[in-house]
Full PDB file with SEQRES, HELIX, SHEET, SSBOND, CRYST1, ORIGX, SCALE, CONECT and MASTER records, all heavy atoms in Angstrom:
SEQRES   1 A   34  GLY LEU VAL GLN PRO GLY GLY SER LEU ARG LEU SER CYS          
SEQRES   2 A   34  ALA ALA SER GLY SER ARG PHE SER ILE ASN ALA ALA GLY          
SEQRES   3 A   34  TRP TYR ARG GLN ALA PRO GLY LYS                              
CRYST1    1.000    1.000    1.000  90.00  90.00  90.00 P 1           1          
ORIGX1      1.000000  0.000000  0.000000        0.00000                         
ORIGX2      0.000000  1.000000  0.000000        0.00000                         
ORIGX3      0.000000  0.000000  1.000000        0.00000                         
SCALE1      1.000000  0.000000  0.000000        0.00000                         
SCALE2      0.000000  1.000000  0.000000        0.00000                         
SCALE3      0.000000  0.000000  1.000000        0.00000                         
ATOM      1  N   GLY A   1      52.404  19.568  13.727  1.00  0.00           N  
ATOM      2  CA  GLY A   1      53.124  19.783  12.525  1.00  0.00           C  
ATOM      3  C   GLY A   1      52.416  19.244  11.323  1.00  0.00           C  
ATOM      4  O   GLY A   1      51.197  19.042  11.373  1.00  0.00           O  
ATOM      5  N   LEU A   2      53.177  19.096  10.247  1.00  0.00           N  
ATOM      6  CA  LEU A   2      52.638  18.614   8.996  1.00  0.00           C  
ATOM      7  C   LEU A   2      52.937  17.119   8.844  1.00  0.00           C  
ATOM      8  O   LEU A   2      54.100  16.682   9.056  1.00  0.00           O  
ATOM      9  CB  LEU A   2      53.251  19.347   7.814  1.00  0.00           C  
ATOM     10  CG  LEU A   2      52.961  18.927   6.400  1.00  0.00           C  
ATOM     11  CD1 LEU A   2      51.500  19.085   6.084  1.00  0.00           C  
ATOM     12  CD2 LEU A   2      53.808  19.643   5.397  1.00  0.00           C  
ATOM     13  N   VAL A   3      51.947  16.362   8.458  1.00  0.00           N  
ATOM     14  CA  VAL A   3      52.122  14.913   8.272  1.00  0.00           C  
ATOM     15  C   VAL A   3      51.304  14.449   7.112  1.00  0.00           C  
ATOM     16  O   VAL A   3      50.248  15.055   6.790  1.00  0.00           O  
ATOM     17  CB  VAL A   3      51.721  14.148   9.555  1.00  0.00           C  
ATOM     18  CG1 VAL A   3      50.236  14.275   9.867  1.00  0.00           C  
ATOM     19  CG2 VAL A   3      52.092  12.683   9.489  1.00  0.00           C  
ATOM     20  N   GLN A   4      51.733  13.425   6.397  1.00  0.00           N  
ATOM     21  CA  GLN A   4      50.992  12.869   5.256  1.00  0.00           C  
ATOM     22  C   GLN A   4      49.810  12.022   5.781  1.00  0.00           C  
ATOM     23  O   GLN A   4      49.863  11.472   6.887  1.00  0.00           O  
ATOM     24  CB  GLN A   4      51.923  12.041   4.407  1.00  0.00           C  
ATOM     25  CG  GLN A   4      53.008  12.832   3.676  1.00  0.00           C  
ATOM     26  CD  GLN A   4      53.776  12.002   2.709  1.00  0.00           C  
ATOM     27  OE1 GLN A   4      53.776  10.777   2.766  1.00  0.00           O  
ATOM     28  NE2 GLN A   4      54.461  12.673   1.778  1.00  0.00           N  
ATOM     29  N   PRO A   5      48.784  11.915   4.948  1.00  0.00           N  
ATOM     30  CA  PRO A   5      47.701  11.037   5.299  1.00  0.00           C  
ATOM     31  C   PRO A   5      48.227   9.599   5.612  1.00  0.00           C  
ATOM     32  O   PRO A   5      49.098   9.110   4.954  1.00  0.00           O  
ATOM     33  CB  PRO A   5      46.824  11.009   4.068  1.00  0.00           C  
ATOM     34  CG  PRO A   5      47.098  12.348   3.429  1.00  0.00           C  
ATOM     35  CD  PRO A   5      48.545  12.625   3.686  1.00  0.00           C  
ATOM     36  N   GLY A   6      47.663   9.022   6.657  1.00  0.00           N  
ATOM     37  CA  GLY A   6      48.092   7.724   7.153  1.00  0.00           C  
ATOM     38  C   GLY A   6      49.218   7.802   8.155  1.00  0.00           C  
ATOM     39  O   GLY A   6      49.533   6.736   8.741  1.00  0.00           O  
ATOM     40  N   GLY A   7      49.797   8.950   8.347  1.00  0.00           N  
ATOM     41  CA  GLY A   7      50.893   9.108   9.273  1.00  0.00           C  
ATOM     42  C   GLY A   7      50.409   9.289  10.739  1.00  0.00           C  
ATOM     43  O   GLY A   7      49.224   9.158  11.018  1.00  0.00           O  
ATOM     44  N   SER A   8      51.388   9.494  11.569  1.00  0.00           N  
ATOM     45  CA  SER A   8      51.156   9.602  12.996  1.00  0.00           C  
ATOM     46  C   SER A   8      51.848  10.837  13.594  1.00  0.00           C  
ATOM     47  O   SER A   8      52.879  11.319  13.108  1.00  0.00           O  
ATOM     48  CB  SER A   8      51.714   8.366  13.756  1.00  0.00           C  
ATOM     49  OG  SER A   8      51.018   7.203  13.297  1.00  0.00           O  
ATOM     50  N   LEU A   9      51.212  11.331  14.683  1.00  0.00           N  
ATOM     51  CA  LEU A   9      51.845  12.382  15.492  1.00  0.00           C  
ATOM     52  C   LEU A   9      51.442  12.134  16.954  1.00  0.00           C  
ATOM     53  O   LEU A   9      50.409  11.546  17.207  1.00  0.00           O  
ATOM     54  CB  LEU A   9      51.273  13.730  15.091  1.00  0.00           C  
ATOM     55  CG  LEU A   9      51.758  14.406  13.809  1.00  0.00           C  
ATOM     56  CD1 LEU A   9      50.993  15.708  13.560  1.00  0.00           C  
ATOM     57  CD2 LEU A   9      53.246  14.727  13.888  1.00  0.00           C  
ATOM     58  N   ARG A  10      52.309  12.575  17.826  1.00  0.00           N  
ATOM     59  CA  ARG A  10      51.945  12.519  19.270  1.00  0.00           C  
ATOM     60  C   ARG A  10      52.045  13.955  19.847  1.00  0.00           C  
ATOM     61  O   ARG A  10      53.065  14.572  19.828  1.00  0.00           O  
ATOM     62  CB  ARG A  10      52.867  11.619  20.047  1.00  0.00           C  
ATOM     63  CG  ARG A  10      52.383  11.388  21.496  1.00  0.00           C  
ATOM     64  CD  ARG A  10      53.207  10.411  22.291  1.00  0.00           C  
ATOM     65  NE  ARG A  10      54.403  11.030  22.869  1.00  0.00           N  
ATOM     66  CZ  ARG A  10      54.967  10.580  23.986  1.00  0.00           C  
ATOM     67  NH1 ARG A  10      54.425   9.589  24.661  1.00  0.00           N  
ATOM     68  NH2 ARG A  10      56.054  11.244  24.456  1.00  0.00           N  
ATOM     69  N   LEU A  11      50.902  14.372  20.297  1.00  0.00           N  
ATOM     70  CA  LEU A  11      50.798  15.675  20.994  1.00  0.00           C  
ATOM     71  C   LEU A  11      51.045  15.532  22.480  1.00  0.00           C  
ATOM     72  O   LEU A  11      50.637  14.554  23.044  1.00  0.00           O  
ATOM     73  CB  LEU A  11      49.481  16.334  20.751  1.00  0.00           C  
ATOM     74  CG  LEU A  11      49.003  16.538  19.311  1.00  0.00           C  
ATOM     75  CD1 LEU A  11      47.667  17.249  19.255  1.00  0.00           C  
ATOM     76  CD2 LEU A  11      50.052  17.256  18.474  1.00  0.00           C  
ATOM     77  N   SER A  12      51.730  16.494  23.017  1.00  0.00           N  
ATOM     78  CA  SER A  12      51.930  16.543  24.486  1.00  0.00           C  
ATOM     79  C   SER A  12      51.359  17.823  25.059  1.00  0.00           C  
ATOM     80  O   SER A  12      51.339  18.856  24.378  1.00  0.00           O  
ATOM     81  CB  SER A  12      53.457  16.495  24.829  1.00  0.00           C  
ATOM     82  OG  SER A  12      54.031  15.363  24.345  1.00  0.00           O  
ATOM     83  N   CYS A  13      50.853  17.772  26.276  1.00  0.00           N  
ATOM     84  CA  CYS A  13      50.314  18.906  26.986  1.00  0.00           C  
ATOM     85  C   CYS A  13      50.968  18.885  28.382  1.00  0.00           C  
ATOM     86  O   CYS A  13      50.563  18.069  29.174  1.00  0.00           O  
ATOM     87  CB  CYS A  13      48.838  18.834  27.021  1.00  0.00           C  
ATOM     88  SG  CYS A  13      48.036  20.120  28.002  1.00  0.00           S  
ATOM     89  N   ALA A  14      51.890  19.747  28.617  1.00  0.00           N  
ATOM     90  CA  ALA A  14      52.607  19.790  29.881  1.00  0.00           C  
ATOM     91  C   ALA A  14      52.103  20.935  30.768  1.00  0.00           C  
ATOM     92  O   ALA A  14      52.025  22.058  30.327  1.00  0.00           O  
ATOM     93  CB  ALA A  14      54.064  19.934  29.659  1.00  0.00           C  
ATOM     94  N   ALA A  15      51.746  20.593  32.007  1.00  0.00           N  
ATOM     95  CA  ALA A  15      51.255  21.604  32.951  1.00  0.00           C  
ATOM     96  C   ALA A  15      52.417  22.042  33.839  1.00  0.00           C  
ATOM     97  O   ALA A  15      53.277  21.239  34.222  1.00  0.00           O  
ATOM     98  CB  ALA A  15      50.158  21.034  33.791  1.00  0.00           C  
ATOM     99  N   SER A  16      52.391  23.352  34.173  1.00  0.00           N  
ATOM    100  CA  SER A  16      53.405  23.867  35.077  1.00  0.00           C  
ATOM    101  C   SER A  16      52.791  25.070  35.860  1.00  0.00           C  
ATOM    102  O   SER A  16      51.784  25.652  35.430  1.00  0.00           O  
ATOM    103  CB  SER A  16      54.617  24.356  34.328  1.00  0.00           C  
ATOM    104  OG  SER A  16      54.342  25.434  33.481  1.00  0.00           O  
ATOM    105  N   GLY A  17      53.382  25.330  36.982  1.00  0.00           N  
ATOM    106  CA  GLY A  17      53.016  26.560  37.763  1.00  0.00           C  
ATOM    107  C   GLY A  17      51.871  26.348  38.706  1.00  0.00           C  
ATOM    108  O   GLY A  17      51.513  27.333  39.447  1.00  0.00           O  
ATOM    109  N   SER A  18      51.320  25.136  38.802  1.00  0.00           N  
ATOM    110  CA  SER A  18      50.221  24.915  39.738  1.00  0.00           C  
ATOM    111  C   SER A  18      50.649  23.957  40.868  1.00  0.00           C  
ATOM    112  O   SER A  18      51.423  23.102  40.639  1.00  0.00           O  
ATOM    113  CB  SER A  18      49.010  24.279  38.995  1.00  0.00           C  
ATOM    114  OG  SER A  18      48.005  23.895  39.896  1.00  0.00           O  
ATOM    115  N   ARG A  19      50.094  24.244  42.053  1.00  0.00           N  
ATOM    116  CA  ARG A  19      50.433  23.327  43.123  1.00  0.00           C  
ATOM    117  C   ARG A  19      49.596  22.102  43.094  1.00  0.00           C  
ATOM    118  O   ARG A  19      49.756  21.188  43.923  1.00  0.00           O  
ATOM    119  CB  ARG A  19      50.291  24.034  44.471  1.00  0.00           C  
ATOM    120  CG  ARG A  19      48.918  24.537  44.795  1.00  0.00           C  
ATOM    121  CD  ARG A  19      48.973  25.440  46.037  1.00  0.00           C  
ATOM    122  NE  ARG A  19      47.671  25.983  46.412  1.00  0.00           N  
ATOM    123  CZ  ARG A  19      46.932  25.439  47.379  1.00  0.00           C  
ATOM    124  NH1 ARG A  19      47.276  24.344  47.965  1.00  0.00           N  
ATOM    125  NH2 ARG A  19      45.769  25.996  47.672  1.00  0.00           N  
ATOM    126  N   PHE A  20      48.641  22.060  42.163  1.00  0.00           N  
ATOM    127  CA  PHE A  20      47.759  20.957  41.985  1.00  0.00           C  
ATOM    128  C   PHE A  20      48.180  20.115  40.781  1.00  0.00           C  
ATOM    129  O   PHE A  20      48.630  20.619  39.753  1.00  0.00           O  
ATOM    130  CB  PHE A  20      46.297  21.409  41.816  1.00  0.00           C  
ATOM    131  CG  PHE A  20      45.725  22.133  42.983  1.00  0.00           C  
ATOM    132  CD1 PHE A  20      45.619  23.506  42.947  1.00  0.00           C  
ATOM    133  CD2 PHE A  20      45.336  21.432  44.107  1.00  0.00           C  
ATOM    134  CE1 PHE A  20      45.052  24.175  44.023  1.00  0.00           C  
ATOM    135  CE2 PHE A  20      44.807  22.103  45.216  1.00  0.00           C  
ATOM    136  CZ  PHE A  20      44.712  23.480  45.157  1.00  0.00           C  
ATOM    137  N   SER A  21      47.975  18.852  40.803  1.00  0.00           N  
ATOM    138  CA  SER A  21      48.244  17.977  39.690  1.00  0.00           C  
ATOM    139  C   SER A  21      47.025  17.963  38.779  1.00  0.00           C  
ATOM    140  O   SER A  21      45.919  18.426  39.152  1.00  0.00           O  
ATOM    141  CB  SER A  21      48.473  16.513  40.152  1.00  0.00           C  
ATOM    142  OG  SER A  21      49.605  16.438  40.936  1.00  0.00           O  
ATOM    143  N   ILE A  22      47.230  17.532  37.512  1.00  0.00           N  
ATOM    144  CA  ILE A  22      46.118  17.444  36.615  1.00  0.00           C  
ATOM    145  C   ILE A  22      45.106  16.393  37.141  1.00  0.00           C  
ATOM    146  O   ILE A  22      45.496  15.259  37.495  1.00  0.00           O  
ATOM    147  CB  ILE A  22      46.564  17.024  35.197  1.00  0.00           C  
ATOM    148  CG1 ILE A  22      47.449  18.169  34.591  1.00  0.00           C  
ATOM    149  CG2 ILE A  22      45.418  16.653  34.310  1.00  0.00           C  
ATOM    150  CD1 ILE A  22      48.042  17.809  33.251  1.00  0.00           C  
ATOM    151  N   ASN A  23      43.863  16.754  37.222  1.00  0.00           N  
ATOM    152  CA  ASN A  23      42.797  15.871  37.591  1.00  0.00           C  
ATOM    153  C   ASN A  23      42.316  15.237  36.339  1.00  0.00           C  
ATOM    154  O   ASN A  23      42.751  14.159  35.867  1.00  0.00           O  
ATOM    155  CB  ASN A  23      41.724  16.649  38.367  1.00  0.00           C  
ATOM    156  CG  ASN A  23      40.706  15.658  38.987  1.00  0.00           C  
ATOM    157  OD1 ASN A  23      40.516  14.551  38.486  1.00  0.00           O  
ATOM    158  ND2 ASN A  23      40.010  16.141  40.006  1.00  0.00           N  
ATOM    159  N   ALA A  24      41.346  15.819  35.692  1.00  0.00           N  
ATOM    160  CA  ALA A  24      40.837  15.382  34.412  1.00  0.00           C  
ATOM    161  C   ALA A  24      41.420  16.289  33.323  1.00  0.00           C  
ATOM    162  O   ALA A  24      41.790  17.423  33.585  1.00  0.00           O  
ATOM    163  CB  ALA A  24      39.343  15.402  34.376  1.00  0.00           C  
ATOM    164  N   ALA A  25      41.473  15.747  32.060  1.00  0.00           N  
ATOM    165  CA  ALA A  25      42.038  16.495  31.010  1.00  0.00           C  
ATOM    166  C   ALA A  25      41.347  16.121  29.714  1.00  0.00           C  
ATOM    167  O   ALA A  25      40.677  15.065  29.598  1.00  0.00           O  
ATOM    168  CB  ALA A  25      43.537  16.311  30.928  1.00  0.00           C  
ATOM    169  N   GLY A  26      41.510  16.959  28.680  1.00  0.00           N  
ATOM    170  CA  GLY A  26      40.875  16.682  27.391  1.00  0.00           C  
ATOM    171  C   GLY A  26      41.664  17.326  26.282  1.00  0.00           C  
ATOM    172  O   GLY A  26      42.448  18.278  26.462  1.00  0.00           O  
ATOM    173  N   TRP A  27      41.420  16.789  25.124  1.00  0.00           N  
ATOM    174  CA  TRP A  27      41.921  17.387  23.879  1.00  0.00           C  
ATOM    175  C   TRP A  27      40.715  17.825  23.023  1.00  0.00           C  
ATOM    176  O   TRP A  27      39.747  17.070  22.905  1.00  0.00           O  
ATOM    177  CB  TRP A  27      42.765  16.391  23.087  1.00  0.00           C  
ATOM    178  CG  TRP A  27      44.116  16.187  23.643  1.00  0.00           C  
ATOM    179  CD1 TRP A  27      44.489  15.183  24.502  1.00  0.00           C  
ATOM    180  CD2 TRP A  27      45.292  16.988  23.430  1.00  0.00           C  
ATOM    181  NE1 TRP A  27      45.832  15.322  24.840  1.00  0.00           N  
ATOM    182  CE2 TRP A  27      46.335  16.425  24.204  1.00  0.00           C  
ATOM    183  CE3 TRP A  27      45.559  18.149  22.683  1.00  0.00           C  
ATOM    184  CZ2 TRP A  27      47.636  16.901  24.197  1.00  0.00           C  
ATOM    185  CZ3 TRP A  27      46.852  18.668  22.713  1.00  0.00           C  
ATOM    186  CH2 TRP A  27      47.860  18.066  23.472  1.00  0.00           C  
ATOM    187  N   TYR A  28      40.838  18.982  22.429  1.00  0.00           N  
ATOM    188  CA  TYR A  28      39.810  19.591  21.560  1.00  0.00           C  
ATOM    189  C   TYR A  28      40.465  19.981  20.282  1.00  0.00           C  
ATOM    190  O   TYR A  28      41.706  20.148  20.208  1.00  0.00           O  
ATOM    191  CB  TYR A  28      39.123  20.774  22.230  1.00  0.00           C  
ATOM    192  CG  TYR A  28      38.293  20.412  23.440  1.00  0.00           C  
ATOM    193  CD1 TYR A  28      38.929  19.996  24.649  1.00  0.00           C  
ATOM    194  CD2 TYR A  28      36.920  20.418  23.385  1.00  0.00           C  
ATOM    195  CE1 TYR A  28      38.160  19.668  25.743  1.00  0.00           C  
ATOM    196  CE2 TYR A  28      36.150  20.076  24.495  1.00  0.00           C  
ATOM    197  CZ  TYR A  28      36.775  19.710  25.679  1.00  0.00           C  
ATOM    198  OH  TYR A  28      36.051  19.378  26.750  1.00  0.00           O  
ATOM    199  N   ARG A  29      39.692  20.206  19.234  1.00  0.00           N  
ATOM    200  CA  ARG A  29      40.279  20.732  18.002  1.00  0.00           C  
ATOM    201  C   ARG A  29      39.291  21.681  17.332  1.00  0.00           C  
ATOM    202  O   ARG A  29      38.088  21.571  17.505  1.00  0.00           O  
ATOM    203  CB  ARG A  29      40.639  19.623  17.042  1.00  0.00           C  
ATOM    204  CG  ARG A  29      39.485  18.757  16.547  1.00  0.00           C  
ATOM    205  CD  ARG A  29      40.021  17.565  15.745  1.00  0.00           C  
ATOM    206  NE  ARG A  29      38.965  16.714  15.226  1.00  0.00           N  
ATOM    207  CZ  ARG A  29      39.197  15.553  14.651  1.00  0.00           C  
ATOM    208  NH1 ARG A  29      40.429  15.127  14.442  1.00  0.00           N  
ATOM    209  NH2 ARG A  29      38.173  14.842  14.177  1.00  0.00           N  
ATOM    210  N   GLN A  30      39.888  22.559  16.535  1.00  0.00           N  
ATOM    211  CA  GLN A  30      39.074  23.549  15.824  1.00  0.00           C  
ATOM    212  C   GLN A  30      39.653  23.689  14.392  1.00  0.00           C  
ATOM    213  O   GLN A  30      40.784  24.137  14.206  1.00  0.00           O  
ATOM    214  CB  GLN A  30      39.099  24.955  16.492  1.00  0.00           C  
ATOM    215  CG  GLN A  30      38.159  25.920  15.870  1.00  0.00           C  
ATOM    216  CD  GLN A  30      37.974  27.151  16.730  1.00  0.00           C  
ATOM    217  OE1 GLN A  30      38.745  27.424  17.679  1.00  0.00           O  
ATOM    218  NE2 GLN A  30      36.945  27.919  16.502  1.00  0.00           N  
ATOM    219  N   ALA A  31      38.836  23.281  13.440  1.00  0.00           N  
ATOM    220  CA  ALA A  31      39.191  23.402  12.007  1.00  0.00           C  
ATOM    221  C   ALA A  31      38.763  24.798  11.516  1.00  0.00           C  
ATOM    222  O   ALA A  31      37.845  25.400  12.123  1.00  0.00           O  
ATOM    223  CB  ALA A  31      38.584  22.309  11.232  1.00  0.00           C  
ATOM    224  N   PRO A  32      39.352  25.262  10.455  1.00  0.00           N  
ATOM    225  CA  PRO A  32      38.951  26.612   9.928  1.00  0.00           C  
ATOM    226  C   PRO A  32      37.478  26.627   9.592  1.00  0.00           C  
ATOM    227  O   PRO A  32      36.912  25.722   8.950  1.00  0.00           O  
ATOM    228  CB  PRO A  32      39.829  26.665   8.637  1.00  0.00           C  
ATOM    229  CG  PRO A  32      40.987  25.866   8.881  1.00  0.00           C  
ATOM    230  CD  PRO A  32      40.474  24.727   9.738  1.00  0.00           C  
ATOM    231  N   GLY A  33      36.835  27.699  10.092  1.00  0.00           N  
ATOM    232  CA  GLY A  33      35.401  27.887   9.829  1.00  0.00           C  
ATOM    233  C   GLY A  33      34.481  27.012  10.690  1.00  0.00           C  
ATOM    234  O   GLY A  33      33.276  27.019  10.462  1.00  0.00           O  
ATOM    235  N   LYS A  34      35.047  26.283  11.615  1.00  0.00           N  
ATOM    236  CA  LYS A  34      34.223  25.360  12.438  1.00  0.00           C  
ATOM    237  C   LYS A  34      34.379  25.679  13.915  1.00  0.00           C  
ATOM    238  O   LYS A  34      35.370  26.370  14.298  1.00  0.00           O  
ATOM    239  CB  LYS A  34      34.558  23.895  12.164  1.00  0.00           C  
ATOM    240  CG  LYS A  34      34.302  23.448  10.738  1.00  0.00           C  
ATOM    241  CD  LYS A  34      34.504  21.943  10.621  1.00  0.00           C  
ATOM    242  CE  LYS A  34      34.101  21.453   9.242  1.00  0.00           C  
ATOM    243  NZ  LYS A  34      34.282  20.000   9.075  1.00  0.00           N  
TER     244      LYS A  34                                                      
MASTER        0    0    0    0    0    0    0    6  243    1    0    3          
END                                                                             
Protein backbone atom coordinates (compact mmCIF):
# COMPACT_ATOMS: atom_id res chain seq x y z
CA GLY A 1 0.00 0.00 0.00
CA LEU A 2 0.85 3.66 0.43
CA VAL A 3 2.87 4.79 3.44
CA GLN A 4 4.65 8.01 4.40
CA PRO A 5 8.43 8.15 4.66
CA GLY A 6 9.53 6.74 7.98
CA GLY A 7 6.49 4.50 8.20
CA SER A 8 6.18 0.73 8.33
CA LEU A 9 4.47 -2.05 6.43
CA ARG A 10 4.42 -5.81 6.81
CA LEU A 11 4.16 -7.91 3.68
CA SER A 12 2.89 -11.47 3.82
CA CYS A 13 3.43 -14.28 1.32
CA ALA A 14 1.11 -17.23 1.85
CA ALA A 15 1.64 -20.52 0.02
CA SER A 16 -1.17 -22.88 -0.86
CA GLY A 17 -1.88 -25.88 -3.08
CA SER A 18 1.42 -27.68 -2.60
CA ARG A 19 2.00 -30.87 -0.67
CA PHE A 20 5.43 -29.48 0.20
CA SER A 21 6.18 -26.81 2.78
CA ILE A 22 8.23 -23.75 1.98
CA ASN A 23 11.90 -24.61 2.10
CA ALA A 24 13.79 -21.42 1.30
CA ALA A 25 12.10 -18.14 0.36
CA GLY A 26 12.92 -14.63 -0.68
CA TRP A 27 11.57 -11.17 -1.31
CA TYR A 28 12.47 -9.21 -4.43
CA ARG A 29 11.43 -5.81 -5.71
CA GLN A 30 11.22 -3.99 -9.01
CA ALA A 31 11.03 -0.24 -9.27
CA PRO A 32 9.82 1.48 -12.47
CA GLY A 33 12.48 1.32 -15.16
CA LYS A 34 14.71 -0.97 -13.12
